Amino acid sequence: MSRARVEEILRFLGVDDPELLALLRREGLFLEDELEAEEAEELRVATTLVRELGVNAAGVEVALHMRRRLLVLERRMTATLQQLLEERGRR
């Protein structure tokens, strides 16, 4: 899996405020200099929360945690549904 530099991701997102990344990093977010695709998506969500909705860094951390849990639950639900459909097909 490829990784991208945080600065490149922010530039792609049109974020030119270096304080935004510092703010997120003080909260323990995006500490690595390079991110995987899933982490880059989280950075996009985080910048949107801060810039467009005025969410503070602690709120971003909570929102990202809830988002991760929701995505896990969604994957589990999809897998369970697939399993049920397969079982139904065998009957």
PDB file of N, CA and C in Angstrom:
ATOM      1  N   MET A   1       0.851  -1.179   0.000  1.00  0.00           N
ATOM      2  CA  MET A   1       0.000   0.000   0.000  1.00  0.00           C
ATOM      3  C   MET A   1       0.893   1.238   0.000  1.00  0.00           C
ATOM      4  N   SER A   2       0.547   2.221  -0.781  1.00  0.00           N
ATOM      5  CA  SER A   2       1.383   3.411  -0.870  1.00  0.00           C
ATOM      6  C   SER A   2       1.025   4.409   0.229  1.00  0.00           C
ATOM      7  N   ARG A   3       1.993   5.215   0.535  1.00  0.00           N
ATOM      8  CA  ARG A   3       1.832   6.244   1.555  1.00  0.00           C
ATOM      9  C   ARG A   3       2.066   7.600   0.901  1.00  0.00           C
ATOM     10  N   ALA A   4       1.474   8.626   1.489  1.00  0.00           N
ATOM     11  CA  ALA A   4       1.646   9.984   0.974  1.00  0.00           C
ATOM     12  C   ALA A   4       2.052  10.895   2.123  1.00  0.00           C
ATOM     13  N   ARG A   5       2.829  11.892   1.807  1.00  0.00           N
ATOM     14  CA  ARG A   5       3.271  12.850   2.823  1.00  0.00           C
ATOM     15  C   ARG A   5       2.100  13.735   3.235  1.00  0.00           C
ATOM     16  N   VAL A   6       2.037  14.023   4.517  1.00  0.00           N
ATOM     17  CA  VAL A   6       0.952  14.841   5.067  1.00  0.00           C
ATOM     18  C   VAL A   6       0.876  16.187   4.357  1.00  0.00           C
ATOM     19  N   GLU A   7       2.020  16.791   4.113  1.00  0.00           N
ATOM     20  CA  GLU A   7       2.032  18.097   3.456  1.00  0.00           C
ATOM     21  C   GLU A   7       1.417  18.030   2.062  1.00  0.00           C
ATOM     22  N   GLU A   8       1.678  16.936   1.332  1.00  0.00           N
ATOM     23  CA  GLU A   8       1.102  16.769  -0.003  1.00  0.00           C
ATOM     24  C   GLU A   8      -0.412  16.618   0.078  1.00  0.00           C
ATOM     25  N   ILE A   9      -0.873  15.873   1.059  1.00  0.00           N
ATOM     26  CA  ILE A   9      -2.310  15.666   1.235  1.00  0.00           C
ATOM     27  C   ILE A   9      -2.982  16.998   1.543  1.00  0.00           C
ATOM     28  N   LEU A  10      -2.399  17.755   2.459  1.00  0.00           N
ATOM     29  CA  LEU A  10      -2.972  19.051   2.818  1.00  0.00           C
ATOM     30  C   LEU A  10      -2.982  19.999   1.625  1.00  0.00           C
ATOM     31  N   ARG A  11      -1.913  19.984   0.839  1.00  0.00           N
ATOM     32  CA  ARG A  11      -1.857  20.829  -0.359  1.00  0.00           C
ATOM     33  C   ARG A  11      -2.961  20.417  -1.337  1.00  0.00           C
ATOM     34  N   PHE A  12      -3.151  19.109  -1.517  1.00  0.00           N
ATOM     35  CA  PHE A  12      -4.205  18.601  -2.390  1.00  0.00           C
ATOM     36  C   PHE A  12      -5.577  19.050  -1.903  1.00  0.00           C
ATOM     37  N   LEU A  13      -5.760  19.098  -0.574  1.00  0.00           N
ATOM     38  CA  LEU A  13      -7.032  19.510   0.017  1.00  0.00           C
ATOM     39  C   LEU A  13      -7.214  21.031   0.022  1.00  0.00           C
ATOM     40  N   GLY A  14      -6.179  21.744  -0.383  1.00  0.00           N
ATOM     41  CA  GLY A  14      -6.256  23.198  -0.406  1.00  0.00           C
ATOM     42  C   GLY A  14      -6.076  23.838   0.957  1.00  0.00           C
ATOM     43  N   VAL A  15      -5.419  23.116   1.862  1.00  0.00           N
ATOM     44  CA  VAL A  15      -5.179  23.634   3.210  1.00  0.00           C
ATOM     45  C   VAL A  15      -3.801  24.275   3.226  1.00  0.00           C
ATOM     46  N   ASP A  16      -3.759  25.577   3.455  1.00  0.00           N
ATOM     47  CA  ASP A  16      -2.475  26.267   3.491  1.00  0.00           C
ATOM     48  C   ASP A  16      -2.189  26.853   4.875  1.00  0.00           C
ATOM     49  N   ASP A  17      -2.935  26.392   5.882  1.00  0.00           N
ATOM     50  CA  ASP A  17      -2.768  26.861   7.249  1.00  0.00           C
ATOM     51  C   ASP A  17      -1.931  25.848   8.035  1.00  0.00           C
ATOM     52  N   PRO A  18      -0.639  26.141   8.285  1.00  0.00           N
ATOM     53  CA  PRO A  18       0.205  25.189   9.017  1.00  0.00           C
ATOM     54  C   PRO A  18      -0.261  24.984  10.458  1.00  0.00           C
ATOM     55  N   GLU A  19      -1.017  25.929  10.995  1.00  0.00           N
ATOM     56  CA  GLU A  19      -1.500  25.798  12.368  1.00  0.00           C
ATOM     57  C   GLU A  19      -2.543  24.690  12.500  1.00  0.00           C
ATOM     58  N   LEU A  20      -3.256  24.397  11.430  1.00  0.00           N
ATOM     59  CA  LEU A  20      -4.270  23.344  11.477  1.00  0.00           C
ATOM     60  C   LEU A  20      -3.640  21.997  11.801  1.00  0.00           C
ATOM     61  N   LEU A  21      -2.568  21.655  11.118  1.00  0.00           N
ATOM     62  CA  LEU A  21      -1.888  20.394  11.390  1.00  0.00           C
ATOM     63  C   LEU A  21      -1.299  20.396  12.795  1.00  0.00           C
ATOM     64  N   ALA A  22      -0.718  21.501  13.216  1.00  0.00           N
ATOM     65  CA  ALA A  22      -0.165  21.602  14.571  1.00  0.00           C
ATOM     66  C   ALA A  22      -1.254  21.401  15.611  1.00  0.00           C
ATOM     67  N   LEU A  23      -2.416  21.963  15.362  1.00  0.00           N
ATOM     68  CA  LEU A  23      -3.555  21.820  16.273  1.00  0.00           C
ATOM     69  C   LEU A  23      -3.968  20.360  16.402  1.00  0.00           C
ATOM     70  N   LEU A  24      -4.070  19.666  15.278  1.00  0.00           N
ATOM     71  CA  LEU A  24      -4.451  18.253  15.287  1.00  0.00           C
ATOM     72  C   LEU A  24      -3.375  17.395  15.948  1.00  0.00           C
ATOM     73  N   ARG A  25      -2.129  17.707  15.688  1.00  0.00           N
ATOM     74  CA  ARG A  25      -1.033  16.931  16.271  1.00  0.00           C
ATOM     75  C   ARG A  25      -0.942  17.111  17.783  1.00  0.00           C
ATOM     76  N   ARG A  26      -1.288  18.291  18.271  1.00  0.00           N
ATOM     77  CA  ARG A  26      -1.306  18.495  19.733  1.00  0.00           C
ATOM     78  C   ARG A  26      -2.333  17.582  20.396  1.00  0.00           C
ATOM     79  N   GLU A  27      -3.339  17.193  19.652  1.00  0.00           N
ATOM     80  CA  GLU A  27      -4.363  16.287  20.162  1.00  0.00           C
ATOM     81  C   GLU A  27      -3.966  14.825  19.930  1.00  0.00           C
ATOM     82  N   GLY A  28      -2.779  14.621  19.353  1.00  0.00           N
ATOM     83  CA  GLY A  28      -2.289  13.256  19.121  1.00  0.00           C
ATOM     84  C   GLY A  28      -2.719  12.660  17.796  1.00  0.00           C
ATOM     85  N   LEU A  29      -3.197  13.493  16.892  1.00  0.00           N
ATOM     86  CA  LEU A  29      -3.669  13.023  15.586  1.00  0.00           C
ATOM     87  C   LEU A  29      -2.638  13.296  14.498  1.00  0.00           C
ATOM     88  N   PHE A  30      -2.515  12.382  13.571  1.00  0.00           N
ATOM     89  CA  PHE A  30      -1.685  12.542  12.367  1.00  0.00           C
ATOM     90  C   PHE A  30      -0.240  12.892  12.718  1.00  0.00           C
ATOM     91  N   LEU A  31       0.344  12.112  13.620  1.00  0.00           N
ATOM     92  CA  LEU A  31       1.704  12.371  14.085  1.00  0.00           C
ATOM     93  C   LEU A  31       2.761  11.931  13.077  1.00  0.00           C
ATOM     94  N   GLU A  32       2.416  10.968  12.235  1.00  0.00           N
ATOM     95  CA  GLU A  32       3.355  10.466  11.227  1.00  0.00           C
ATOM     96  C   GLU A  32       3.510  11.483  10.098  1.00  0.00           C
ATOM     97  N   ASP A  33       4.674  11.459   9.457  1.00  0.00           N
ATOM     98  CA  ASP A  33       4.901  12.355   8.312  1.00  0.00           C
ATOM     99  C   ASP A  33       4.263  11.824   7.034  1.00  0.00           C
ATOM    100  N   GLU A  34       4.003  10.510   6.994  1.00  0.00           N
ATOM    101  CA  GLU A  34       3.365   9.888   5.834  1.00  0.00           C
ATOM    102  C   GLU A  34       2.148   9.109   6.306  1.00  0.00           C
ATOM    103  N   LEU A  35       1.114   9.084   5.467  1.00  0.00           N
ATOM    104  CA  LEU A  35      -0.136   8.429   5.832  1.00  0.00           C
ATOM    105  C   LEU A  35      -0.557   7.419   4.781  1.00  0.00           C
ATOM    106  N   GLU A  36      -1.225   6.367   5.232  1.00  0.00           N
ATOM    107  CA  GLU A  36      -1.865   5.410   4.321  1.00  0.00           C
ATOM    108  C   GLU A  36      -3.130   6.071   3.770  1.00  0.00           C
ATOM    109  N   ALA A  37      -3.741   5.448   2.786  1.00  0.00           N
ATOM    110  CA  ALA A  37      -4.934   6.014   2.145  1.00  0.00           C
ATOM    111  C   ALA A  37      -6.065   6.239   3.152  1.00  0.00           C
ATOM    112  N   GLU A  38      -6.292   5.281   4.032  1.00  0.00           N
ATOM    113  CA  GLU A  38      -7.365   5.412   5.022  1.00  0.00           C
ATOM    114  C   GLU A  38      -7.088   6.570   5.985  1.00  0.00           C
ATOM    115  N   GLU A  39      -5.838   6.745   6.370  1.00  0.00           N
ATOM    116  CA  GLU A  39      -5.467   7.855   7.249  1.00  0.00           C
ATOM    117  C   GLU A  39      -5.597   9.188   6.515  1.00  0.00           C
ATOM    118  N   ALA A  40      -5.274   9.197   5.225  1.00  0.00           N
ATOM    119  CA  ALA A  40      -5.423  10.411   4.436  1.00  0.00           C
ATOM    120  C   ALA A  40      -6.889  10.822   4.364  1.00  0.00           C
ATOM    121  N   GLU A  41      -7.776   9.842   4.250  1.00  0.00           N
ATOM    122  CA  GLU A  41      -9.208  10.141   4.253  1.00  0.00           C
ATOM    123  C   GLU A  41      -9.629  10.723   5.597  1.00  0.00           C
ATOM    124  N   GLU A  42      -9.068  10.201   6.683  1.00  0.00           N
ATOM    125  CA  GLU A  42      -9.358  10.756   8.003  1.00  0.00           C
ATOM    126  C   GLU A  42      -8.857  12.198   8.112  1.00  0.00           C
ATOM    127  N   LEU A  43      -7.710  12.481   7.523  1.00  0.00           N
ATOM    128  CA  LEU A  43      -7.194  13.842   7.535  1.00  0.00           C
ATOM    129  C   LEU A  43      -8.126  14.764   6.757  1.00  0.00           C
ATOM    130  N   ARG A  44      -8.672  14.274   5.647  1.00  0.00           N
ATOM    131  CA  ARG A  44      -9.638  15.063   4.884  1.00  0.00           C
ATOM    132  C   ARG A  44     -10.866  15.361   5.729  1.00  0.00           C
ATOM    133  N   VAL A  45     -11.374  14.344   6.414  1.00  0.00           N
ATOM    134  CA  VAL A  45     -12.541  14.530   7.276  1.00  0.00           C
ATOM    135  C   VAL A  45     -12.206  15.518   8.395  1.00  0.00           C
ATOM    136  N   ALA A  46     -11.035  15.368   8.995  1.00  0.00           N
ATOM    137  CA  ALA A  46     -10.628  16.251  10.094  1.00  0.00           C
ATOM    138  C   ALA A  46     -10.546  17.702   9.639  1.00  0.00           C
ATOM    139  N   THR A  47      -9.956  17.932   8.477  1.00  0.00           N
ATOM    140  CA  THR A  47      -9.844  19.318   8.002  1.00  0.00           C
ATOM    141  C   THR A  47     -11.219  19.900   7.700  1.00  0.00           C
ATOM    142  N   THR A  48     -12.118  19.084   7.182  1.00  0.00           N
ATOM    143  CA  THR A  48     -13.484  19.544   6.922  1.00  0.00           C
ATOM    144  C   THR A  48     -14.185  19.902   8.228  1.00  0.00           C
ATOM    145  N   LEU A  49     -14.036  19.049   9.240  1.00  0.00           N
ATOM    146  CA  LEU A  49     -14.665  19.318  10.532  1.00  0.00           C
ATOM    147  C   LEU A  49     -14.177  20.632  11.127  1.00  0.00           C
ATOM    148  N   VAL A  50     -12.877  20.872  11.034  1.00  0.00           N
ATOM    149  CA  VAL A  50     -12.305  22.084  11.621  1.00  0.00           C
ATOM    150  C   VAL A  50     -12.674  23.312  10.802  1.00  0.00           C
ATOM    151  N   ARG A  51     -12.439  23.248   9.501  1.00  0.00           N
ATOM    152  CA  ARG A  51     -12.598  24.437   8.656  1.00  0.00           C
ATOM    153  C   ARG A  51     -14.051  24.808   8.397  1.00  0.00           C
ATOM    154  N   GLU A  52     -14.887  23.815   8.132  1.00  0.00           N
ATOM    155  CA  GLU A  52     -16.253  24.126   7.723  1.00  0.00           C
ATOM    156  C   GLU A  52     -17.254  24.090   8.869  1.00  0.00           C
ATOM    157  N   LEU A  53     -16.949  23.310   9.907  1.00  0.00           N
ATOM    158  CA  LEU A  53     -17.912  23.188  11.000  1.00  0.00           C
ATOM    159  C   LEU A  53     -17.407  23.775  12.312  1.00  0.00           C
ATOM    160  N   GLY A  54     -16.146  24.200  12.338  1.00  0.00           N
ATOM    161  CA  GLY A  54     -15.611  24.829  13.545  1.00  0.00           C
ATOM    162  C   GLY A  54     -15.389  23.890  14.715  1.00  0.00           C
ATOM    163  N   VAL A  55     -15.219  22.595  14.436  1.00  0.00           N
ATOM    164  CA  VAL A  55     -14.996  21.614  15.501  1.00  0.00           C
ATOM    165  C   VAL A  55     -13.572  21.770  16.020  1.00  0.00           C
ATOM    166  N   ASN A  56     -13.405  21.714  17.339  1.00  0.00           N
ATOM    167  CA  ASN A  56     -12.060  21.814  17.907  1.00  0.00           C
ATOM    168  C   ASN A  56     -11.348  20.463  17.787  1.00  0.00           C
ATOM    169  N   ALA A  57     -10.059  20.440  18.097  1.00  0.00           N
ATOM    170  CA  ALA A  57      -9.243  19.231  17.902  1.00  0.00           C
ATOM    171  C   ALA A  57      -9.753  18.059  18.733  1.00  0.00           C
ATOM    172  N   ALA A  58     -10.175  18.315  19.961  1.00  0.00           N
ATOM    173  CA  ALA A  58     -10.708  17.232  20.799  1.00  0.00           C
ATOM    174  C   ALA A  58     -11.979  16.659  20.176  1.00  0.00           C
ATOM    175  N   GLY A  59     -12.811  17.531  19.628  1.00  0.00           N
ATOM    176  CA  GLY A  59     -14.026  17.081  18.954  1.00  0.00           C
ATOM    177  C   GLY A  59     -13.716  16.266  17.713  1.00  0.00           C
ATOM    178  N   VAL A  60     -12.672  16.660  16.997  1.00  0.00           N
ATOM    179  CA  VAL A  60     -12.243  15.907  15.817  1.00  0.00           C
ATOM    180  C   VAL A  60     -11.815  14.504  16.230  1.00  0.00           C
ATOM    181  N   GLU A  61     -11.065  14.415  17.313  1.00  0.00           N
ATOM    182  CA  GLU A  61     -10.627  13.100  17.793  1.00  0.00           C
ATOM    183  C   GLU A  61     -11.825  12.208  18.102  1.00  0.00           C
ATOM    184  N   VAL A  62     -12.812  12.749  18.787  1.00  0.00           N
ATOM    185  CA  VAL A  62     -14.021  11.985  19.115  1.00  0.00           C
ATOM    186  C   VAL A  62     -14.758  11.586  17.843  1.00  0.00           C
ATOM    187  N   ALA A  63     -14.919  12.522  16.922  1.00  0.00           N
ATOM    188  CA  ALA A  63     -15.631  12.234  15.672  1.00  0.00           C
ATOM    189  C   ALA A  63     -14.923  11.153  14.863  1.00  0.00           C
ATOM    190  N   LEU A  64     -13.602  11.214  14.793  1.00  0.00           N
ATOM    191  CA  LEU A  64     -12.854  10.197  14.035  1.00  0.00           C
ATOM    192  C   LEU A  64     -12.962   8.835  14.709  1.00  0.00           C
ATOM    193  N   HIS A  65     -12.936   8.820  16.035  1.00  0.00           N
ATOM    194  CA  HIS A  65     -13.090   7.554  16.764  1.00  0.00           C
ATOM    195  C   HIS A  65     -14.471   6.950  16.463  1.00  0.00           C
ATOM    196  N   MET A  66     -15.498   7.773  16.537  1.00  0.00           N
ATOM    197  CA  MET A  66     -16.857   7.287  16.249  1.00  0.00           C
ATOM    198  C   MET A  66     -16.971   6.827  14.797  1.00  0.00           C
ATOM    199  N   ARG A  67     -16.332   7.536  13.883  1.00  0.00           N
ATOM    200  CA  ARG A  67     -16.360   7.171  12.467  1.00  0.00           C
ATOM    201  C   ARG A  67     -15.698   5.815  12.253  1.00  0.00           C
ATOM    202  N   ARG A  68     -14.544   5.601  12.913  1.00  0.00           N
ATOM    203  CA  ARG A  68     -13.858   4.307  12.797  1.00  0.00           C
ATOM    204  C   ARG A  68     -14.749   3.174  13.296  1.00  0.00           C
ATOM    205  N   ARG A  69     -15.390   3.393  14.438  1.00  0.00           N
ATOM    206  CA  ARG A  69     -16.270   2.361  14.995  1.00  0.00           C
ATOM    207  C   ARG A  69     -17.443   2.089  14.063  1.00  0.00           C
ATOM    208  N   LEU A  70     -18.010   3.141  13.500  1.00  0.00           N
ATOM    209  CA  LEU A  70     -19.115   2.984  12.574  1.00  0.00           C
ATOM    210  C   LEU A  70     -18.690   2.181  11.348  1.00  0.00           C
ATOM    211  N   LEU A  71     -17.507   2.455  10.812  1.00  0.00           N
ATOM    212  CA  LEU A  71     -17.015   1.719   9.647  1.00  0.00           C
ATOM    213  C   LEU A  71     -16.795   0.240   9.973  1.00  0.00           C
ATOM    214  N   VAL A  72     -16.285  -0.043  11.172  1.00  0.00           N
ATOM    215  CA  VAL A  72     -16.105  -1.441  11.600  1.00  0.00           C
ATOM    216  C   VAL A  72     -17.459  -2.133  11.689  1.00  0.00           C
ATOM    217  N   LEU A  73     -18.426  -1.476  12.314  1.00  0.00           N
ATOM    218  CA  LEU A  73     -19.761  -2.057  12.442  1.00  0.00           C
ATOM    219  C   LEU A  73     -20.401  -2.273  11.071  1.00  0.00           C
ATOM    220  N   GLU A  74     -20.174  -1.345  10.163  1.00  0.00           N
ATOM    221  CA  GLU A  74     -20.712  -1.487   8.810  1.00  0.00           C
ATOM    222  C   GLU A  74     -20.107  -2.700   8.107  1.00  0.00           C
ATOM    223  N   ARG A  75     -18.797  -2.888   8.263  1.00  0.00           N
ATOM    224  CA  ARG A  75     -18.145  -4.059   7.652  1.00  0.00           C
ATOM    225  C   ARG A  75     -18.681  -5.350   8.268  1.00  0.00           C
ATOM    226  N   ARG A  76     -18.870  -5.351   9.592  1.00  0.00           N
ATOM    227  CA  ARG A  76     -19.416  -6.548  10.245  1.00  0.00           C
ATOM    228  C   ARG A  76     -20.819  -6.851   9.756  1.00  0.00           C
ATOM    229  N   MET A  77     -21.640  -5.812   9.652  1.00  0.00           N
ATOM    230  CA  MET A  77     -23.011  -5.996   9.207  1.00  0.00           C
ATOM    231  C   MET A  77     -23.039  -6.538   7.776  1.00  0.00           C
ATOM    232  N   THR A  78     -22.190  -6.007   6.921  1.00  0.00           N
ATOM    233  CA  THR A  78     -22.116  -6.481   5.539  1.00  0.00           C
ATOM    234  C   THR A  78     -21.695  -7.946   5.492  1.00  0.00           C
ATOM    235  N   ALA A  79     -20.703  -8.307   6.301  1.00  0.00           N
ATOM    236  CA  ALA A  79     -20.240  -9.696   6.332  1.00  0.00           C
ATOM    237  C   ALA A  79     -21.334 -10.622   6.857  1.00  0.00           C
ATOM    238  N   THR A  80     -22.049 -10.185   7.875  1.00  0.00           N
ATOM    239  CA  THR A  80     -23.136 -10.996   8.437  1.00  0.00           C
ATOM    240  C   THR A  80     -24.252 -11.162   7.423  1.00  0.00           C
ATOM    241  N   LEU A  81     -24.612 -10.095   6.746  1.00  0.00           N
ATOM    242  CA  LEU A  81     -25.647 -10.168   5.717  1.00  0.00           C
ATOM    243  C   LEU A  81     -25.230 -11.112   4.599  1.00  0.00           C
ATOM    244  N   GLN A  82     -23.972 -11.025   4.185  1.00  0.00           N
ATOM    245  CA  GLN A  82     -23.471 -11.920   3.137  1.00  0.00           C
ATOM    246  C   GLN A  82     -23.545 -13.368   3.591  1.00  0.00           C
ATOM    247  N   GLN A  83     -23.172 -13.607   4.841  1.00  0.00           N
ATOM    248  CA  GLN A  83     -23.222 -14.967   5.383  1.00  0.00           C
ATOM    249  C   GLN A  83     -24.667 -15.480   5.409  1.00  0.00           C
ATOM    250  N   LEU A  84     -25.600 -14.648   5.836  1.00  0.00           N
ATOM    251  CA  LEU A  84     -27.004 -15.049   5.865  1.00  0.00           C
ATOM    252  C   LEU A  84     -27.528 -15.358   4.466  1.00  0.00           C
ATOM    253  N   LEU A  85     -27.152 -14.532   3.494  1.00  0.00           N
ATOM    254  CA  LEU A  85     -27.583 -14.772   2.121  1.00  0.00           C
ATOM    255  C   LEU A  85     -27.017 -16.073   1.578  1.00  0.00           C
ATOM    256  N   GLU A  86     -25.759 -16.359   1.917  1.00  0.00           N
ATOM    257  CA  GLU A  86     -25.146 -17.625   1.480  1.00  0.00           C
ATOM    258  C   GLU A  86     -25.839 -18.810   2.114  1.00  0.00           C
ATOM    259  N   GLU A  87     -26.162 -18.708   3.404  1.00  0.00           N
ATOM    260  CA  GLU A  87     -26.864 -19.800   4.088  1.00  0.00           C
ATOM    261  C   GLU A  87     -28.252 -19.995   3.489  1.00  0.00           C
ATOM    262  N   ARG A  88     -28.915 -18.918   3.184  1.00  0.00           N
ATOM    263  CA  ARG A  88     -30.247 -18.994   2.601  1.00  0.00           C
ATOM    264  C   ARG A  88     -30.185 -19.662   1.215  1.00  0.00           C
ATOM    265  N   GLY A  89     -29.140 -19.362   0.472  1.00  0.00           N
ATOM    266  CA  GLY A  89     -28.968 -19.948  -0.848  1.00  0.00           C
ATOM    267  C   GLY A  89     -28.706 -21.440  -0.806  1.00  0.00           C
ATOM    268  N   ARG A  90     -28.158 -21.922   0.283  1.00  0.00           N
ATOM    269  CA  ARG A  90     -27.892 -23.358   0.428  1.00  0.00           C
ATOM    270  C   ARG A  90     -29.126 -24.158   0.808  1.00  0.00           C
ATOM    271  N   ARG A  91     -30.176 -23.496   1.209  1.00  0.00           N
ATOM    272  CA  ARG A  91     -31.392 -24.209   1.651  1.00  0.00           C
ATOM    273  C   ARG A  91     -32.278 -24.568   0.508  1.00  0.00           C
TER     274      ARG A  91
END
